[in-house]
Each structure stands twice: as C-alpha cells, then as structure tokens.
Amino acid sequence: MEGDNCVPEGKTVTATIGRVGSKRISISSTSENVDENGEARFAITAKNKVGNARVTFKANNLKMFLTVKVR
C-alpha cells in the first residue's frame, strides 16, 4: 500500500502511553511490524480506573494519536 499515511511492509510501529494513561490502559506490546496489508495490530486493555488515555503510534516520520475512553 502506498500513500501519505501508509507505512511499508516490514517497518516497525511503536505505541506509547503517557504516565497518566498507563494507570487506565495497557498495550499488548510496545512495537509491532507492519504486515502485507499495511497493518500493525495492538491489543489495548482497560484497567479499573475511569478516564481518558492517549496512545501515540510512531513509524518512520509519521506520528498518530488515539484517545481511549475508559468508562
């Protein structure tokens, strides 16, 4: 896959959670390789604390943010 927001196959995507967010969620692994479909899969699990957590995904020079709401 090609495009402005696509990461080539075999590249590594890293996921990080801020200090406050780590009290609310956990991630299965901090880095995953991109597959042939241009996807890297992460499992995000909620903990017992309610609130929002921000996850940052980085690959090459791309950076994307995801806000997770725990209720």
C-alpha atoms as a PDB file:
ATOM      1  CA  MET A   1       0.000   0.000   0.000  1.00  0.00           C
ATOM      2  CA  GLU A   2       1.196   3.482  -0.731  1.00  0.00           C
ATOM      3  CA  GLY A   3       0.056   6.905   0.340  1.00  0.00           C
ATOM      4  CA  ASP A   4       0.838   9.757   2.710  1.00  0.00           C
ATOM      5  CA  ASN A   5      -0.214   7.885   5.874  1.00  0.00           C
ATOM      6  CA  CYS A   6       0.911   4.366   4.918  1.00  0.00           C
ATOM      7  CA  VAL A   7       3.854   2.528   6.392  1.00  0.00           C
ATOM      8  CA  PRO A   8       5.684  -0.008   4.184  1.00  0.00           C
ATOM      9  CA  GLU A   9       5.555  -3.708   4.995  1.00  0.00           C
ATOM     10  CA  GLY A  10       8.192  -4.861   7.482  1.00  0.00           C
ATOM     11  CA  LYS A  11       8.629  -1.473   9.178  1.00  0.00           C
ATOM     12  CA  THR A  12       8.111  -1.207  12.922  1.00  0.00           C
ATOM     13  CA  VAL A  13       5.313   0.786  14.566  1.00  0.00           C
ATOM     14  CA  THR A  14       5.780   1.695  18.228  1.00  0.00           C
ATOM     15  CA  ALA A  15       2.999   2.537  20.672  1.00  0.00           C
ATOM     16  CA  THR A  16       3.500   4.571  23.829  1.00  0.00           C
ATOM     17  CA  ILE A  17       1.178   5.607  26.638  1.00  0.00           C
ATOM     18  CA  GLY A  18       1.698   8.645  28.838  1.00  0.00           C
ATOM     19  CA  ARG A  19       2.253   8.315  32.580  1.00  0.00           C
ATOM     20  CA  VAL A  20      -1.374   9.153  33.422  1.00  0.00           C
ATOM     21  CA  GLY A  21      -2.728   6.888  30.668  1.00  0.00           C
ATOM     22  CA  SER A  22      -0.751   3.902  31.923  1.00  0.00           C
ATOM     23  CA  LYS A  23      -2.948   3.912  35.032  1.00  0.00           C
ATOM     24  CA  ARG A  24      -6.035   3.437  32.822  1.00  0.00           C
ATOM     25  CA  ILE A  25      -4.933   1.138  29.968  1.00  0.00           C
ATOM     26  CA  SER A  26      -2.214  -1.303  28.941  1.00  0.00           C
ATOM     27  CA  ILE A  27      -0.955  -2.336  25.495  1.00  0.00           C
ATOM     28  CA  SER A  28      -0.129  -5.914  24.479  1.00  0.00           C
ATOM     29  CA  SER A  29       3.287  -4.927  23.084  1.00  0.00           C
ATOM     30  CA  THR A  30       5.124  -1.667  22.576  1.00  0.00           C
ATOM     31  CA  SER A  31       6.076  -2.405  18.964  1.00  0.00           C
ATOM     32  CA  GLU A  32       4.733  -4.448  16.062  1.00  0.00           C
ATOM     33  CA  ASN A  33       5.841  -4.987  12.462  1.00  0.00           C
ATOM     34  CA  VAL A  34       3.611  -3.882   9.594  1.00  0.00           C
ATOM     35  CA  ASP A  35       2.110  -6.828   7.661  1.00  0.00           C
ATOM     36  CA  GLU A  36       1.448  -7.167   3.915  1.00  0.00           C
ATOM     37  CA  ASN A  37      -1.876  -5.330   4.343  1.00  0.00           C
ATOM     38  CA  GLY A  38      -0.143  -2.279   5.834  1.00  0.00           C
ATOM     39  CA  GLU A  39      -1.473  -3.022   9.326  1.00  0.00           C
ATOM     40  CA  ALA A  40       0.150  -3.337  12.731  1.00  0.00           C
ATOM     41  CA  ARG A  41      -2.168  -4.736  15.418  1.00  0.00           C
ATOM     42  CA  PHE A  42      -2.095  -3.795  19.088  1.00  0.00           C
ATOM     43  CA  ALA A  43      -4.423  -5.022  21.836  1.00  0.00           C
ATOM     44  CA  ILE A  44      -5.406  -2.247  24.261  1.00  0.00           C
ATOM     45  CA  THR A  45      -6.830  -3.424  27.583  1.00  0.00           C
ATOM     46  CA  ALA A  46      -8.683  -1.222  30.083  1.00  0.00           C
ATOM     47  CA  LYS A  47      -7.754  -1.262  33.747  1.00  0.00           C
ATOM     48  CA  ASN A  48     -10.119  -0.462  36.640  1.00  0.00           C
ATOM     49  CA  LYS A  49      -9.628   3.318  36.535  1.00  0.00           C
ATOM     50  CA  VAL A  50     -12.125   5.505  34.610  1.00  0.00           C
ATOM     51  CA  GLY A  51     -10.943   8.325  32.335  1.00  0.00           C
ATOM     52  CA  ASN A  52      -9.136   9.053  29.078  1.00  0.00           C
ATOM     53  CA  ALA A  53      -5.746   7.813  27.919  1.00  0.00           C
ATOM     54  CA  ARG A  54      -3.752   8.940  24.905  1.00  0.00           C
ATOM     55  CA  VAL A  55      -1.792   6.421  22.846  1.00  0.00           C
ATOM     56  CA  THR A  56       0.911   7.642  20.455  1.00  0.00           C
ATOM     57  CA  PHE A  57       1.820   5.497  17.451  1.00  0.00           C
ATOM     58  CA  LYS A  58       5.105   6.241  15.664  1.00  0.00           C
ATOM     59  CA  ALA A  59       6.593   4.795  12.476  1.00  0.00           C
ATOM     60  CA  ASN A  60       9.351   6.400  10.408  1.00  0.00           C
ATOM     61  CA  ASN A  61       8.455  10.097  10.362  1.00  0.00           C
ATOM     62  CA  LEU A  62       4.718   9.526  10.974  1.00  0.00           C
ATOM     63  CA  LYS A  63       3.057  10.138  14.336  1.00  0.00           C
ATOM     64  CA  MET A  64      -0.617   9.430  15.083  1.00  0.00           C
ATOM     65  CA  PHE A  65      -2.591   9.852  18.303  1.00  0.00           C
ATOM     66  CA  LEU A  66      -5.530   7.841  19.606  1.00  0.00           C
ATOM     67  CA  THR A  67      -7.653   8.809  22.610  1.00  0.00           C
ATOM     68  CA  VAL A  68      -9.075   5.836  24.526  1.00  0.00           C
ATOM     69  CA  LYS A  69     -12.046   6.436  26.834  1.00  0.00           C
ATOM     70  CA  VAL A  70     -12.363   4.077  29.798  1.00  0.00           C
ATOM     71  CA  ARG A  71     -15.803   4.040  31.422  1.00  0.00           C
END
